[in-house]
Amino acid sequence: MEFTQLRTLDIYQNRSKFKLIILIIAVVIGTVSIYYTQSLVNKLAEREKKLIDLYAKGLKTAISPENSGGLTFLFQEIIEANNSVPVILTDENKLPISEKNLFIPDGLSEAERIDFMKKEISEMEKEHEPIVVEFGPGLKNYIFYKNSYLLTQLVYYPFIQLTVIAIFAIIAYLAFSYSRNAEQNRVWVGLAKETAHQLGTPLSSLMAWLELLKSNPKYEGEEALIELDKDIVRLEMITARFSNIGSVPTLSDENVYQAVKLNIDYLKSRISSKVTFSIISDVEVSATAKINKPLFEWVIENICKNATDAMNGIGRIDIRILRMNDGKIAIDISDTGKGIPRSKAQEIFKPGYTTKKRGWGLGLTLVKRIVENYHNGKIFVLFSELGKGTTFRIILNS
């Protein structure tokens, strides 16, 4: 069989590609997050190293006999070394004396500048308890400070990251939901088309026999009655097929050879006369398998019709029934078509895969669902070679 065209059903049909895109975006987000976090960590590590060095110097100065320069050291070494934490030094009445790393708007008068720092002191006091610097009895200053911009980034960064991930997850969910609904809608439309296609064969046959009877009143019609009866049975079977969709079908022990032969006998007179069929059974004629006959015949019909279309109505279809080593029944359906590329062996069973310009790509999807979901069996491409043909294998429980 030849399968060369893939009709995609929006994002859901191309979910493997869409998943790859999501994965790439997730990797990018993760990489940026890791890089950004690592950058913050490095800065904090450097800052902590400086603080440890200053702490060591402070201890050394505190125990030194020459401690008169301790205050100078405090401001010149520690305060001046601080280039990230906003601080304000005040007197004992909490009036600002100086500031460091504080953003003060330009153009303020001295009074406005003092008022601005007082407001900052009030905010800082809410955030951290001020550090008291005592110089002696009754002499003390206060150091007010707040979190550095770097530390603020760390505080809010996890929330920002989670928000970005949440937004990304919501977008992905909405995209999948939309594409899934679109795919389901198309499947329903395709199923309606498949219904019309299934009904078309027996109805066309009925109309042809009816015209024959009308145009030839003297025609005895024995052959027509036989064929009309077949078509009526066929219509009943099609009704049974679609009634089984969505419900758990009843499986019973059915003669596999007879089920295949009856279906092929019906198809022979209703497809191209240039397609020849052969049925070979390596099992006993009475061999049975647990099947739902209407659905099972639908499987055989779909595969044979696909083979006929792929061979352009000229070729051979060979069906072989055999028993597996574990006792299960296998049915091999071979054709002389153009074959399936190895890379497409799995994709042919996905919704939307078709070579027909007017097809919906549901035939083999339904086949796979019927065999595997309803019959607990298996179906796969046993053999395929470009230019030589394809063999499908169906495995059923006996």
Protein backbone atom coordinates (compact mmCIF):
# COMPACT_ATOMS: atom_id res chain seq x y z
CA MET A 1 0.00 0.00 0.00
CA GLU A 2 1.15 3.56 -0.58
CA PHE A 3 0.86 6.19 2.12
CA THR A 4 2.50 9.50 1.26
CA GLN A 5 0.23 12.27 2.52
CA LEU A 6 -0.36 13.23 6.12
CA ARG A 7 -3.23 15.52 6.89
CA THR A 8 -2.70 17.03 10.26
CA LEU A 9 -5.54 17.76 12.65
CA ASP A 10 -4.24 21.01 14.11
CA ILE A 11 -1.94 20.98 17.12
CA TYR A 12 -3.46 17.85 18.65
CA GLN A 13 -2.66 15.78 15.57
CA ASN A 14 0.92 17.14 15.64
CA ARG A 15 1.14 16.70 19.38
CA SER A 16 4.64 15.19 19.15
CA LYS A 17 5.93 18.40 17.53
CA PHE A 18 3.94 20.54 19.93
CA LYS A 19 5.35 18.60 22.89
CA LEU A 20 8.84 19.21 21.50
CA ILE A 21 8.14 22.95 21.31
CA ILE A 22 6.85 22.92 24.90
CA LEU A 23 9.94 20.99 25.97
CA ILE A 24 12.24 23.49 24.26
CA ILE A 25 10.47 26.44 25.89
CA ALA A 26 10.59 24.70 29.27
CA VAL A 27 14.32 24.06 28.83
CA VAL A 28 14.87 27.72 27.91
CA ILE A 29 12.90 28.88 30.97
CA GLY A 30 14.79 26.43 33.17
CA THR A 31 18.17 27.43 31.74
CA VAL A 32 17.48 31.17 32.15
CA SER A 33 16.20 30.55 35.68
CA ILE A 34 19.25 28.52 36.64
CA TYR A 35 21.60 31.11 35.11
CA TYR A 36 19.82 33.99 36.81
CA THR A 37 19.70 32.25 40.19
CA GLN A 38 23.34 31.24 39.91
CA SER A 39 24.26 34.84 39.13
CA LEU A 40 22.45 36.03 42.27
CA VAL A 41 24.06 33.29 44.33
CA ASN A 42 27.52 34.28 43.10
CA LYS A 43 26.93 37.90 44.03
CA LEU A 44 25.68 36.95 47.47
CA ALA A 45 28.64 34.62 47.95
CA GLU A 46 31.01 37.46 47.11
CA ARG A 47 29.16 39.80 49.42
CA GLU A 48 29.21 37.31 52.29
CA LYS A 49 32.95 36.83 51.84
CA LYS A 50 33.47 40.57 52.21
CA LEU A 51 31.26 40.64 55.30
CA ILE A 52 33.26 37.81 56.86
CA ASP A 53 36.50 39.68 56.10
CA LEU A 54 35.11 42.85 57.65
CA TYR A 55 33.88 40.92 60.66
CA ALA A 56 37.37 39.55 61.15
CA LYS A 57 38.87 43.05 60.89
CA GLY A 58 36.25 44.34 63.35
CA LEU A 59 37.18 41.73 65.93
CA LYS A 60 40.85 42.49 65.46
CA THR A 61 40.24 46.21 65.90
CA ALA A 62 37.97 45.71 68.91
CA ILE A 63 40.65 43.84 70.88
CA SER A 64 43.50 46.06 69.74
CA PRO A 65 45.05 48.33 72.41
CA GLU A 66 45.02 51.14 69.92
CA ASN A 67 41.24 51.30 69.61
CA SER A 68 40.91 55.01 69.18
CA GLY A 69 40.48 54.61 65.46
CA GLY A 70 37.70 52.08 65.84
CA LEU A 71 34.92 54.48 64.85
CA THR A 72 36.88 55.67 61.85
CA PHE A 73 37.40 52.05 60.84
CA LEU A 74 33.66 51.37 61.26
CA PHE A 75 32.65 54.04 58.80
CA GLN A 76 35.55 53.93 56.39
CA GLU A 77 35.93 50.17 56.17
CA ILE A 78 32.44 48.82 56.79
CA ILE A 79 30.07 51.60 55.79
CA GLU A 80 32.12 52.67 52.78
CA ALA A 81 32.58 49.07 51.69
CA ASN A 82 28.83 48.66 51.55
CA ASN A 83 27.72 49.42 47.99
CA SER A 84 24.39 47.59 47.89
CA VAL A 85 22.47 47.84 51.18
CA PRO A 86 20.59 51.17 51.61
CA VAL A 87 21.47 52.67 55.01
CA ILE A 88 20.81 55.91 56.89
CA LEU A 89 22.87 57.08 59.87
CA THR A 90 20.92 59.17 62.40
CA ASP A 91 21.61 60.85 65.68
CA GLU A 92 20.09 59.82 68.98
CA ASN A 93 16.86 61.63 68.02
CA LYS A 94 16.70 59.65 64.79
CA LEU A 95 17.41 62.68 62.67
CA PRO A 96 19.34 61.77 59.51
CA ILE A 97 23.03 62.56 59.43
CA SER A 98 24.11 60.73 56.27
CA GLU A 99 22.94 58.02 53.88
CA LYS A 100 24.41 55.36 51.63
CA ASN A 101 22.99 53.54 48.59
CA LEU A 102 19.69 55.39 48.91
CA PHE A 103 17.93 56.61 45.80
CA ILE A 104 16.96 60.23 46.41
CA PRO A 105 15.16 62.12 43.61
CA ASP A 106 17.12 64.95 42.07
CA GLY A 107 16.13 68.58 42.54
CA LEU A 108 15.08 68.35 46.19
CA SER A 109 15.88 71.16 48.60
CA GLU A 110 17.73 70.35 51.83
CA ALA A 111 14.47 70.41 53.81
CA GLU A 112 12.76 68.16 51.26
CA ARG A 113 15.76 65.88 51.33
CA ILE A 114 15.52 65.56 55.12
CA ASP A 115 11.76 64.83 54.89
CA PHE A 116 12.37 62.20 52.25
CA MET A 117 14.96 60.46 54.45
CA LYS A 118 12.62 60.61 57.46
CA LYS A 119 9.99 58.73 55.47
CA GLU A 120 12.62 56.22 54.45
CA ILE A 121 13.67 55.82 58.09
CA SER A 122 10.06 55.09 59.02
CA GLU A 123 9.85 52.40 56.31
CA MET A 124 13.22 50.94 57.26
CA GLU A 125 12.22 50.71 60.92
CA LYS A 126 9.21 48.62 59.92
CA GLU A 127 11.43 46.30 57.93
CA HIS A 128 14.41 45.94 60.29
CA GLU A 129 15.23 47.01 63.83
CA PRO A 130 17.91 49.72 63.71
CA ILE A 131 21.46 49.03 64.85
CA VAL A 132 22.50 51.11 67.86
CA VAL A 133 26.04 52.51 67.84
CA GLU A 134 27.09 53.72 71.30
CA PHE A 135 30.09 56.01 71.75
CA GLY A 136 29.77 56.44 75.49
CA PRO A 137 27.24 57.34 78.15
CA GLY A 138 24.39 59.19 76.47
CA LEU A 139 26.13 59.19 73.14
CA LYS A 140 24.67 56.98 70.47
CA ASN A 141 23.67 56.88 66.85
CA TYR A 142 21.30 54.65 64.90
CA ILE A 143 21.89 52.85 61.64
CA PHE A 144 18.70 52.17 59.73
CA TYR A 145 18.77 49.85 56.71
CA LYS A 146 16.59 47.86 54.37
CA ASN A 147 17.02 44.92 52.04
CA SER A 148 19.28 45.52 49.08
CA TYR A 149 17.93 45.41 45.58
CA LEU A 150 19.69 42.08 45.16
CA LEU A 151 17.98 40.57 48.20
CA THR A 152 14.63 41.99 47.09
CA GLN A 153 15.12 40.22 43.76
CA LEU A 154 15.67 36.97 45.61
CA VAL A 155 12.54 37.51 47.70
CA TYR A 156 10.28 38.03 44.69
CA TYR A 157 12.09 35.86 42.17
CA PRO A 158 10.41 32.54 43.10
CA PHE A 159 6.97 34.17 42.78
CA ILE A 160 7.84 35.66 39.41
CA GLN A 161 9.21 32.33 38.23
CA LEU A 162 6.11 30.45 39.39
CA THR A 163 3.90 33.03 37.70
CA VAL A 164 5.75 32.61 34.40
CA ILE A 165 5.52 28.83 34.65
CA ALA A 166 1.82 29.03 35.56
CA ILE A 167 1.09 31.29 32.58
CA PHE A 168 3.03 28.97 30.31
CA ALA A 169 1.15 25.94 31.68
CA ILE A 170 -2.21 27.65 31.20
CA ILE A 171 -1.36 28.58 27.61
CA ALA A 172 -0.23 25.02 26.89
CA TYR A 173 -3.39 23.59 28.49
CA LEU A 174 -5.65 25.92 26.52
CA ALA A 175 -3.82 25.10 23.29
CA PHE A 176 -4.16 21.36 23.91
CA SER A 177 -7.82 21.71 24.90
CA TYR A 178 -8.62 23.75 21.82
CA SER A 179 -6.79 21.40 19.49
CA ARG A 180 -8.31 18.34 21.17
CA ASN A 181 -11.81 19.73 20.71
CA ALA A 182 -11.02 20.58 17.10
CA GLU A 183 -9.67 17.08 16.54
CA GLN A 184 -12.76 15.51 18.11
CA ASN A 185 -15.02 17.63 15.94
CA ARG A 186 -13.15 16.56 12.85
CA VAL A 187 -13.31 12.93 13.89
CA TRP A 188 -17.08 13.19 14.21
CA VAL A 189 -17.29 14.79 10.79
CA GLY A 190 -15.00 12.09 9.43
CA LEU A 191 -17.11 9.41 11.05
CA ALA A 192 -20.18 10.83 9.35
CA LYS A 193 -18.31 10.71 6.05
CA GLU A 194 -17.30 7.13 6.77
CA THR A 195 -20.94 6.27 7.45
CA ALA A 196 -21.96 7.70 4.11
CA HIS A 197 -19.11 5.83 2.45
CA GLN A 198 -20.12 2.56 4.08
CA LEU A 199 -23.74 2.97 3.06
CA GLY A 200 -22.81 4.04 -0.45
CA THR A 201 -21.69 0.59 -1.68
CA PRO A 202 -24.85 -1.41 -0.88
CA LEU A 203 -27.14 1.49 -1.81
CA SER A 204 -25.49 1.88 -5.22
CA SER A 205 -25.85 -1.84 -5.76
CA LEU A 206 -29.51 -1.77 -4.76
CA MET A 207 -30.21 1.11 -7.13
CA ALA A 208 -28.48 -0.69 -9.99
CA TRP A 209 -30.51 -3.86 -9.51
CA LEU A 210 -33.68 -1.81 -9.16
CA GLU A 211 -32.99 -0.06 -12.48
CA LEU A 212 -32.36 -3.42 -14.08
CA LEU A 213 -35.70 -4.72 -12.89
CA LYS A 214 -37.50 -1.55 -14.04
CA SER A 215 -35.93 -1.55 -17.48
CA ASN A 216 -36.59 -5.24 -18.05
CA PRO A 217 -40.03 -6.20 -16.65
CA LYS A 218 -39.72 -9.72 -18.05
CA TYR A 219 -36.46 -10.33 -16.23
CA GLU A 220 -37.01 -13.21 -13.85
CA GLY A 221 -34.68 -11.65 -11.32
CA GLU A 222 -33.36 -14.70 -9.48
CA GLU A 223 -29.80 -13.37 -9.54
CA ALA A 224 -31.06 -9.90 -8.65
CA LEU A 225 -32.92 -11.24 -5.64
CA ILE A 226 -29.78 -12.97 -4.39
CA GLU A 227 -27.73 -9.79 -4.73
CA LEU A 228 -30.48 -7.64 -3.28
CA ASP A 229 -30.58 -9.93 -0.29
CA LYS A 230 -26.81 -9.55 0.12
CA ASP A 231 -27.08 -5.79 0.05
CA ILE A 232 -29.89 -5.76 2.59
CA VAL A 233 -27.82 -7.99 4.87
CA ARG A 234 -24.95 -5.60 4.29
CA LEU A 235 -27.01 -2.61 5.34
CA GLU A 236 -28.03 -4.42 8.48
CA MET A 237 -24.40 -5.18 9.17
CA ILE A 238 -23.36 -1.55 8.68
CA THR A 239 -26.06 -0.52 11.11
CA ALA A 240 -24.71 -3.06 13.59
CA ARG A 241 -21.18 -1.74 13.11
CA PHE A 242 -22.02 1.83 13.96
CA SER A 243 -24.29 0.81 16.81
CA ASN A 244 -21.32 -0.95 18.41
CA ILE A 245 -19.15 2.17 18.37
CA GLY A 246 -18.85 3.64 21.84
CA SER A 247 -20.19 0.53 23.59
CA VAL A 248 -18.58 -2.70 24.66
CA PRO A 249 -19.27 -5.18 21.82
CA THR A 250 -20.25 -8.77 22.47
CA LEU A 251 -17.55 -11.24 21.42
CA SER A 252 -18.40 -14.78 20.44
CA ASP A 253 -16.62 -17.77 18.95
CA GLU A 254 -16.92 -17.32 15.19
CA ASN A 255 -15.48 -19.30 12.30
CA VAL A 256 -12.64 -17.06 11.10
CA TYR A 257 -12.33 -18.54 7.62
CA GLN A 258 -16.05 -18.20 6.93
CA ALA A 259 -16.18 -14.63 8.26
CA VAL A 260 -13.28 -13.62 6.00
CA LYS A 261 -14.60 -15.51 2.95
CA LEU A 262 -18.14 -14.08 3.16
CA ASN A 263 -16.73 -10.57 3.37
CA ILE A 264 -14.37 -11.07 0.43
CA ASP A 265 -17.13 -12.67 -1.67
CA TYR A 266 -19.24 -9.59 -1.13
CA LEU A 267 -16.39 -7.20 -1.98
CA LYS A 268 -15.33 -9.02 -5.15
CA SER A 269 -18.34 -7.90 -7.17
CA ARG A 270 -18.26 -4.37 -5.79
CA ILE A 271 -14.67 -3.27 -6.32
CA SER A 272 -12.35 -3.26 -9.33
CA SER A 273 -12.54 -6.49 -11.34
CA LYS A 274 -8.76 -6.19 -11.89
CA VAL A 275 -8.07 -7.00 -8.28
CA THR A 276 -7.77 -10.73 -7.55
CA PHE A 277 -8.20 -12.32 -4.14
CA SER A 278 -6.90 -15.51 -2.58
CA ILE A 279 -7.64 -16.96 0.85
CA ILE A 280 -5.34 -19.61 2.30
CA SER A 281 -6.03 -21.22 5.67
CA ASP A 282 -3.29 -23.06 7.52
CA VAL A 283 -5.67 -23.88 10.35
CA GLU A 284 -8.54 -26.33 10.51
CA VAL A 285 -11.64 -25.17 8.67
CA SER A 286 -13.62 -25.08 11.90
CA ALA A 287 -11.07 -22.87 13.73
CA THR A 288 -12.74 -20.07 15.69
CA ALA A 289 -11.72 -16.84 17.35
CA LYS A 290 -13.49 -14.52 19.76
CA ILE A 291 -14.76 -11.71 17.55
CA ASN A 292 -17.67 -9.40 16.99
CA LYS A 293 -18.60 -10.34 13.45
CA PRO A 294 -19.89 -6.96 12.17
CA LEU A 295 -16.86 -5.11 13.52
CA PHE A 296 -14.39 -7.79 12.43
CA GLU A 297 -15.69 -7.72 8.86
CA TRP A 298 -15.34 -3.95 8.94
CA VAL A 299 -11.63 -4.44 9.68
CA ILE A 300 -11.14 -6.80 6.72
CA GLU A 301 -13.14 -4.54 4.41
CA ASN A 302 -11.21 -1.37 5.34
CA ILE A 303 -7.81 -3.00 4.86
CA CYS A 304 -8.83 -4.52 1.51
CA LYS A 305 -10.33 -1.26 0.26
CA ASN A 306 -7.19 0.63 1.28
CA ALA A 307 -5.12 -1.95 -0.60
CA THR A 308 -7.32 -1.61 -3.68
CA ASP A 309 -7.07 2.18 -3.66
CA ALA A 310 -3.31 2.07 -3.14
CA MET A 311 -2.90 -0.36 -6.08
CA ASN A 312 -5.04 1.93 -8.27
CA GLY A 313 -7.51 -0.90 -8.72
CA ILE A 314 -4.98 -3.31 -10.26
CA GLY A 315 -3.20 -6.03 -8.28
CA ARG A 316 -3.54 -8.96 -5.93
CA ILE A 317 -4.65 -9.32 -2.33
CA ASP A 318 -3.65 -12.51 -0.52
CA ILE A 319 -5.16 -13.44 2.84
CA ARG A 320 -3.55 -16.13 4.96
CA ILE A 321 -5.00 -17.53 8.20
CA LEU A 322 -2.58 -19.27 10.56
CA ARG A 323 -2.19 -20.25 14.19
CA MET A 324 0.51 -18.74 16.38
CA ASN A 325 2.68 -20.72 18.78
CA ASP A 326 0.61 -19.44 21.71
CA GLY A 327 -2.60 -20.73 20.11
CA LYS A 328 -3.88 -17.33 18.89
CA ILE A 329 -5.19 -16.86 15.36
CA ALA A 330 -3.23 -14.61 12.99
CA ILE A 331 -4.55 -13.17 9.72
CA ASP A 332 -2.03 -11.80 7.22
CA ILE A 333 -3.41 -9.51 4.50
CA SER A 334 -0.87 -8.86 1.73
CA ASP A 335 -1.08 -6.69 -1.37
CA THR A 336 1.08 -5.88 -4.36
CA GLY A 337 1.03 -2.13 -3.85
CA LYS A 338 3.85 0.35 -3.63
CA GLY A 339 4.62 -0.26 0.02
CA ILE A 340 4.89 1.94 3.09
CA PRO A 341 8.05 3.83 4.05
CA ARG A 342 9.48 2.41 7.26
CA SER A 343 9.22 5.80 8.95
CA LYS A 344 5.45 5.83 8.35
CA ALA A 345 4.68 2.33 9.66
CA GLN A 346 3.28 3.71 12.93
CA GLU A 347 1.81 6.95 11.63
CA ILE A 348 -0.62 5.21 9.26
CA PHE A 349 -2.82 4.31 12.24
CA LYS A 350 -3.12 7.90 13.45
CA PRO A 351 -6.25 9.98 12.74
CA GLY A 352 -5.78 12.14 9.65
CA TYR A 353 -3.33 9.93 7.77
CA THR A 354 -4.58 9.43 4.22
CA THR A 355 -3.44 9.36 0.61
CA LYS A 356 -6.86 10.30 -0.75
CA LYS A 357 -7.58 13.89 -1.67
CA ARG A 358 -11.09 13.52 -0.29
CA GLY A 359 -10.21 11.12 2.52
CA TRP A 360 -10.41 11.78 6.24
CA GLY A 361 -7.80 9.26 7.34
CA LEU A 362 -10.03 7.36 9.77
CA GLY A 363 -10.05 3.91 8.12
CA LEU A 364 -6.95 2.44 9.72
CA THR A 365 -7.59 4.38 12.93
CA LEU A 366 -10.93 2.62 13.27
CA VAL A 367 -9.29 -0.68 12.32
CA LYS A 368 -6.71 -0.36 15.08
CA ARG A 369 -9.34 0.66 17.63
CA ILE A 370 -11.63 -2.24 16.70
CA VAL A 371 -8.85 -4.83 16.85
CA GLU A 372 -7.00 -3.62 19.94
CA ASN A 373 -9.68 -1.93 22.06
CA TYR A 374 -12.71 -4.07 21.24
CA HIS A 375 -11.08 -7.44 20.53
CA ASN A 376 -8.01 -7.20 22.80
CA GLY A 377 -5.95 -8.17 19.77
CA LYS A 378 -3.08 -6.63 17.83
CA ILE A 379 -2.60 -5.18 14.36
CA PHE A 380 0.65 -4.01 12.85
CA VAL A 381 2.64 -3.85 9.63
CA LEU A 382 4.35 -7.23 9.39
CA PHE A 383 6.19 -6.48 6.16
CA SER A 384 6.46 -3.63 3.71
CA GLU A 385 8.88 -2.87 0.93
CA LEU A 386 8.65 0.03 -1.46
CA GLY A 387 7.68 -1.19 -4.90
CA LYS A 388 6.70 -4.68 -3.70
CA GLY A 389 3.80 -4.39 -1.29
CA THR A 390 2.66 -4.54 2.31
CA THR A 391 1.46 -7.20 4.73
CA PHE A 392 -0.74 -6.35 7.71
CA ARG A 393 -0.99 -8.89 10.51
CA ILE A 394 -4.04 -9.17 12.77
CA ILE A 395 -3.77 -11.32 15.91
CA LEU A 396 -6.97 -12.52 17.60
CA ASN A 397 -7.66 -14.52 20.74
CA SER A 398 -8.96 -17.99 19.98
